[in-house]
Structures are given as structure tokens and as C-alpha cells.
Amino acid sequence: MEYIMDLKITETINRPTNDVYELVRDNLDRLVPYLPNVEKIDVKKHAPTSDDKVEVINHWYGKADIPGMLKKFLSPEIFSWKDVASWNNQEKAVEYRLESFLANDLFDAKGKNFFIDKGDGTTELKITCTVKIYPEKVPGIPRLLAKKVTPMIEVLLEKLLGPNLTSLGAGLQKYYQDNK
């Protein structure tokens, strides 16, 4: 059984495109205080692969309120993921995939974000991502409970991944308000 989320968000950021693009590509960890459910982001790799491409690997550590019934079965790693991204500096875009630390087949998330210069000193941020969640693949859940808790796990994963993808624009706006 899989659950699919198709996310498509467009936001306007009141900052020049190069500023926004470089902040997200090079210093994403600075946005942690402005992203819901994120405890920290560790940059594991940041390396040019050509003149106009950069490979970035970030480890995201989420935080979530786990319902009492699930606490003894779920490890904190279920709320953490690896973000493997290929940045195209000419296109001002990033293609990425998200991988669970806990189980490679827990979810499948891929997307492409665009940073578009609006010509007036603002940036249009377009986020597209498809997330497929396989809650029945969570390790450590006894088979007898799996059917009962699968919907709860699905909701938890959706609440964690969805807002962090969709709130990037708002987080950027707040970051720039606080860091003028």
C-alpha cells in the first residue's frame, strides 16, 4: 500500500534570485529556525561537479510528536532523511531525492525546484515534489499492530515531510526579515 503526495507550490520571495538561490544551495542550515519540525540540518557534501553544477548532500533531522501507542515502536531516525541534490547554476534549479535513514523503501521522494528572476528584485520559487509513502515498511512494528498503526504512521510522515517542503518560501521570507 502506498500513499502519494504531489506537491506544487509557487511563492514570491522579496529578494534577488542570486541571493535566494545561493542561500538555499550553500547555507540551508541557516534556515532551520524558520522551518517547522526541523531540529537541524547537517551539510555532508558540497562539491562542484562542473562549472555550472554543484552536488549537495544534507542530512535533515526532524522532530515530531509521536502518539503514545507508537512511541515504543518508532525510532527517532524515522523523522530524519538524506537530501541528495544536484544544483544547476545556469538554470537556477535543483533536482533532488530524499532518502530515509531508517529504511530505504519507507518513502520515495523526488522533485525539482526553480528559482526564477522576476526582474523586479524578487524571486519566484517553484517547488515540485512527488512523495510516495509506504508506512507498512516501518521496521519494528509488530505484524499484529501493523494494520492498526499504518494510518497513524502515514499521517506522521505526511506532517513531517509536507510542511518542510511547502514552508520553504515562508521560511525564506522570515529569514530575510530577521537578517536585513
Protein backbone atom coordinates (compact mmCIF):
# COMPACT_ATOMS: atom_id res chain seq x y z
CA MET A 1 0.00 0.00 0.00
CA GLU A 2 1.37 3.42 -0.88
CA TYR A 3 0.20 6.93 -0.20
CA ILE A 4 1.11 9.64 -2.74
CA MET A 5 1.51 13.40 -2.21
CA ASP A 6 2.07 15.63 -5.22
CA LEU A 7 3.32 18.99 -4.06
CA LYS A 8 3.38 22.05 -6.29
CA ILE A 9 3.99 25.37 -4.61
CA THR A 10 4.85 28.79 -6.01
CA GLU A 11 5.98 31.58 -3.69
CA THR A 12 7.40 35.05 -4.23
CA ILE A 13 10.46 35.94 -2.15
CA ASN A 14 11.24 39.64 -1.80
CA ARG A 15 14.93 39.21 -2.56
CA PRO A 16 17.06 38.97 -5.71
CA THR A 17 17.28 35.49 -7.22
CA ASN A 18 21.03 35.07 -6.74
CA ASP A 19 20.69 35.80 -3.00
CA VAL A 20 17.88 33.29 -2.54
CA TYR A 21 19.43 30.61 -4.74
CA GLU A 22 22.84 30.83 -3.04
CA LEU A 23 21.36 30.82 0.47
CA VAL A 24 19.36 27.65 -0.18
CA ARG A 25 22.17 25.93 -2.09
CA ASP A 26 25.09 26.91 0.16
CA ASN A 27 23.66 27.68 3.60
CA LEU A 28 20.40 25.78 4.00
CA ASP A 29 21.26 25.09 7.65
CA ARG A 30 20.75 28.83 8.39
CA LEU A 31 17.04 28.35 7.66
CA VAL A 32 16.48 25.71 10.39
CA PRO A 33 14.91 28.18 12.87
CA TYR A 34 12.41 29.12 10.16
CA LEU A 35 11.34 25.60 9.15
CA PRO A 36 8.70 23.67 11.11
CA ASN A 37 9.62 20.29 12.56
CA VAL A 38 13.34 20.57 11.75
CA GLU A 39 15.82 20.17 14.59
CA LYS A 40 18.96 20.56 12.47
CA ILE A 41 20.45 20.17 9.01
CA ASP A 42 23.99 18.84 8.60
CA VAL A 43 25.83 19.52 5.34
CA LYS A 44 27.62 16.28 4.42
CA LYS A 45 28.82 17.18 0.92
CA HIS A 46 29.03 20.38 -1.09
CA ALA A 47 31.11 19.90 -4.22
CA PRO A 48 31.17 21.36 -7.73
CA THR A 49 30.79 18.65 -10.37
CA SER A 50 31.35 21.04 -13.30
CA ASP A 51 31.45 24.79 -13.97
CA ASP A 52 27.70 25.13 -13.55
CA LYS A 53 26.72 22.18 -11.32
CA VAL A 54 27.06 21.52 -7.60
CA GLU A 55 26.26 18.31 -5.75
CA VAL A 56 24.96 18.82 -2.22
CA ILE A 57 24.04 16.20 0.36
CA ASN A 58 22.29 17.39 3.51
CA HIS A 59 21.07 15.31 6.43
CA TRP A 60 17.82 16.62 7.87
CA TYR A 61 16.82 15.79 11.45
CA GLY A 62 13.13 16.28 12.08
CA LYS A 63 11.12 16.44 15.24
CA ALA A 64 7.57 15.28 15.73
CA ASP A 65 5.08 14.49 18.45
CA ILE A 66 4.67 10.74 18.37
CA PRO A 67 1.34 9.36 19.62
CA GLY A 68 1.79 7.28 22.78
CA MET A 69 0.91 3.98 21.12
CA LEU A 70 3.70 4.40 18.56
CA LYS A 71 6.47 5.74 20.85
CA LYS A 72 7.80 2.33 21.84
CA PHE A 73 7.96 1.13 18.22
CA LEU A 74 9.33 4.12 16.31
CA SER A 75 12.95 5.18 16.41
CA PRO A 76 13.85 8.89 16.02
CA GLU A 77 15.54 8.03 12.69
CA ILE A 78 12.11 7.72 11.10
CA PHE A 79 11.98 11.53 11.24
CA SER A 80 15.35 12.08 9.59
CA TRP A 81 16.32 11.90 5.95
CA LYS A 82 19.11 12.43 3.46
CA ASP A 83 18.61 15.10 0.80
CA VAL A 84 20.70 14.36 -2.33
CA ALA A 85 20.63 17.36 -4.64
CA SER A 86 22.09 18.36 -8.00
CA TRP A 87 22.15 22.14 -8.41
CA ASN A 88 22.23 23.67 -11.89
CA ASN A 89 23.65 27.18 -11.57
CA GLN A 90 22.78 28.24 -15.13
CA GLU A 91 19.20 27.10 -14.84
CA LYS A 92 18.91 28.27 -11.20
CA ALA A 93 17.25 24.97 -10.36
CA VAL A 94 17.80 21.92 -8.19
CA GLU A 95 16.79 18.31 -8.71
CA TYR A 96 16.68 16.23 -5.56
CA ARG A 97 15.66 13.00 -3.94
CA LEU A 98 15.01 12.33 -0.27
CA GLU A 99 16.04 9.05 1.36
CA SER A 100 15.08 7.73 4.78
CA PHE A 101 17.88 6.90 7.24
CA LEU A 102 15.76 4.14 8.71
CA ALA A 103 14.62 2.14 5.69
CA ASN A 104 15.40 2.82 2.03
CA ASP A 105 11.89 1.82 1.00
CA LEU A 106 9.93 3.78 3.64
CA PHE A 107 9.24 6.62 1.20
CA ASP A 108 10.26 7.73 -2.25
CA ALA A 109 10.52 11.49 -2.74
CA LYS A 110 11.81 13.30 -5.82
CA GLY A 111 11.42 16.82 -7.03
CA LYS A 112 12.74 19.86 -8.81
CA ASN A 113 12.74 23.42 -7.54
CA PHE A 114 13.18 26.54 -9.67
CA PHE A 115 14.41 29.99 -8.63
CA ILE A 116 13.03 32.43 -11.20
CA ASP A 117 14.15 36.06 -11.51
CA LYS A 118 11.02 38.21 -11.73
CA GLY A 119 13.02 41.22 -12.96
CA ASP A 120 11.90 43.47 -10.10
CA GLY A 121 14.33 42.33 -7.41
CA THR A 122 12.10 39.44 -6.37
CA THR A 123 12.33 35.69 -6.88
CA GLU A 124 9.62 33.24 -7.78
CA LEU A 125 10.31 29.94 -6.01
CA LYS A 126 8.60 26.97 -7.65
CA ILE A 127 8.68 23.73 -5.69
CA THR A 128 7.56 20.46 -7.22
CA CYS A 129 7.86 17.15 -5.41
CA THR A 130 6.20 13.76 -5.50
CA VAL A 131 6.30 11.77 -2.28
CA LYS A 132 5.24 8.15 -2.07
CA ILE A 133 4.94 6.85 1.49
CA TYR A 134 5.00 3.15 2.36
CA PRO A 135 4.04 3.17 6.07
CA GLU A 136 3.73 -0.60 6.25
CA LYS A 137 7.52 -0.82 5.71
CA VAL A 138 8.41 0.83 9.03
CA PRO A 139 10.70 -1.58 10.86
CA GLY A 140 9.92 -2.59 14.43
CA ILE A 141 6.13 -2.60 14.17
CA PRO A 142 4.68 -5.97 15.24
CA ARG A 143 2.68 -7.59 12.48
CA LEU A 144 -0.46 -7.73 14.64
CA LEU A 145 -0.37 -3.95 15.09
CA ALA A 146 0.73 -3.03 11.58
CA LYS A 147 -2.77 -2.64 10.13
CA LYS A 148 -3.92 -0.52 13.04
CA VAL A 149 -0.92 1.84 13.20
CA THR A 150 -0.18 2.20 9.47
CA PRO A 151 -2.64 5.12 9.07
CA MET A 152 -1.04 6.91 12.05
CA ILE A 153 2.46 6.48 10.60
CA GLU A 154 1.25 7.73 7.23
CA VAL A 155 -0.13 10.89 8.86
CA LEU A 156 3.08 11.43 10.87
CA LEU A 157 5.29 11.15 7.79
CA GLU A 158 3.00 13.40 5.78
CA LYS A 159 3.01 16.02 8.58
CA LEU A 160 6.78 15.92 8.72
CA LEU A 161 7.74 15.91 5.03
CA GLY A 162 4.92 18.01 3.58
CA PRO A 163 5.28 21.18 5.70
CA ASN A 164 9.05 21.23 5.38
CA LEU A 165 8.78 21.17 1.61
CA THR A 166 5.90 23.63 1.42
CA SER A 167 7.14 26.11 4.04
CA LEU A 168 10.49 26.93 2.41
CA GLY A 169 9.14 30.15 0.89
CA ALA A 170 7.71 31.40 4.18
CA GLY A 171 10.91 30.39 5.96
CA LEU A 172 12.99 32.36 3.47
CA GLN A 173 10.78 35.45 3.94
CA LYS A 174 11.15 35.26 7.73
CA TYR A 175 14.90 34.68 7.45
CA TYR A 176 15.32 37.79 5.29
CA GLN A 177 13.12 39.86 7.63
CA ASP A 178 15.35 38.89 10.56
CA ASN A 179 18.61 39.28 8.60
CA LYS A 180 18.30 42.53 6.67
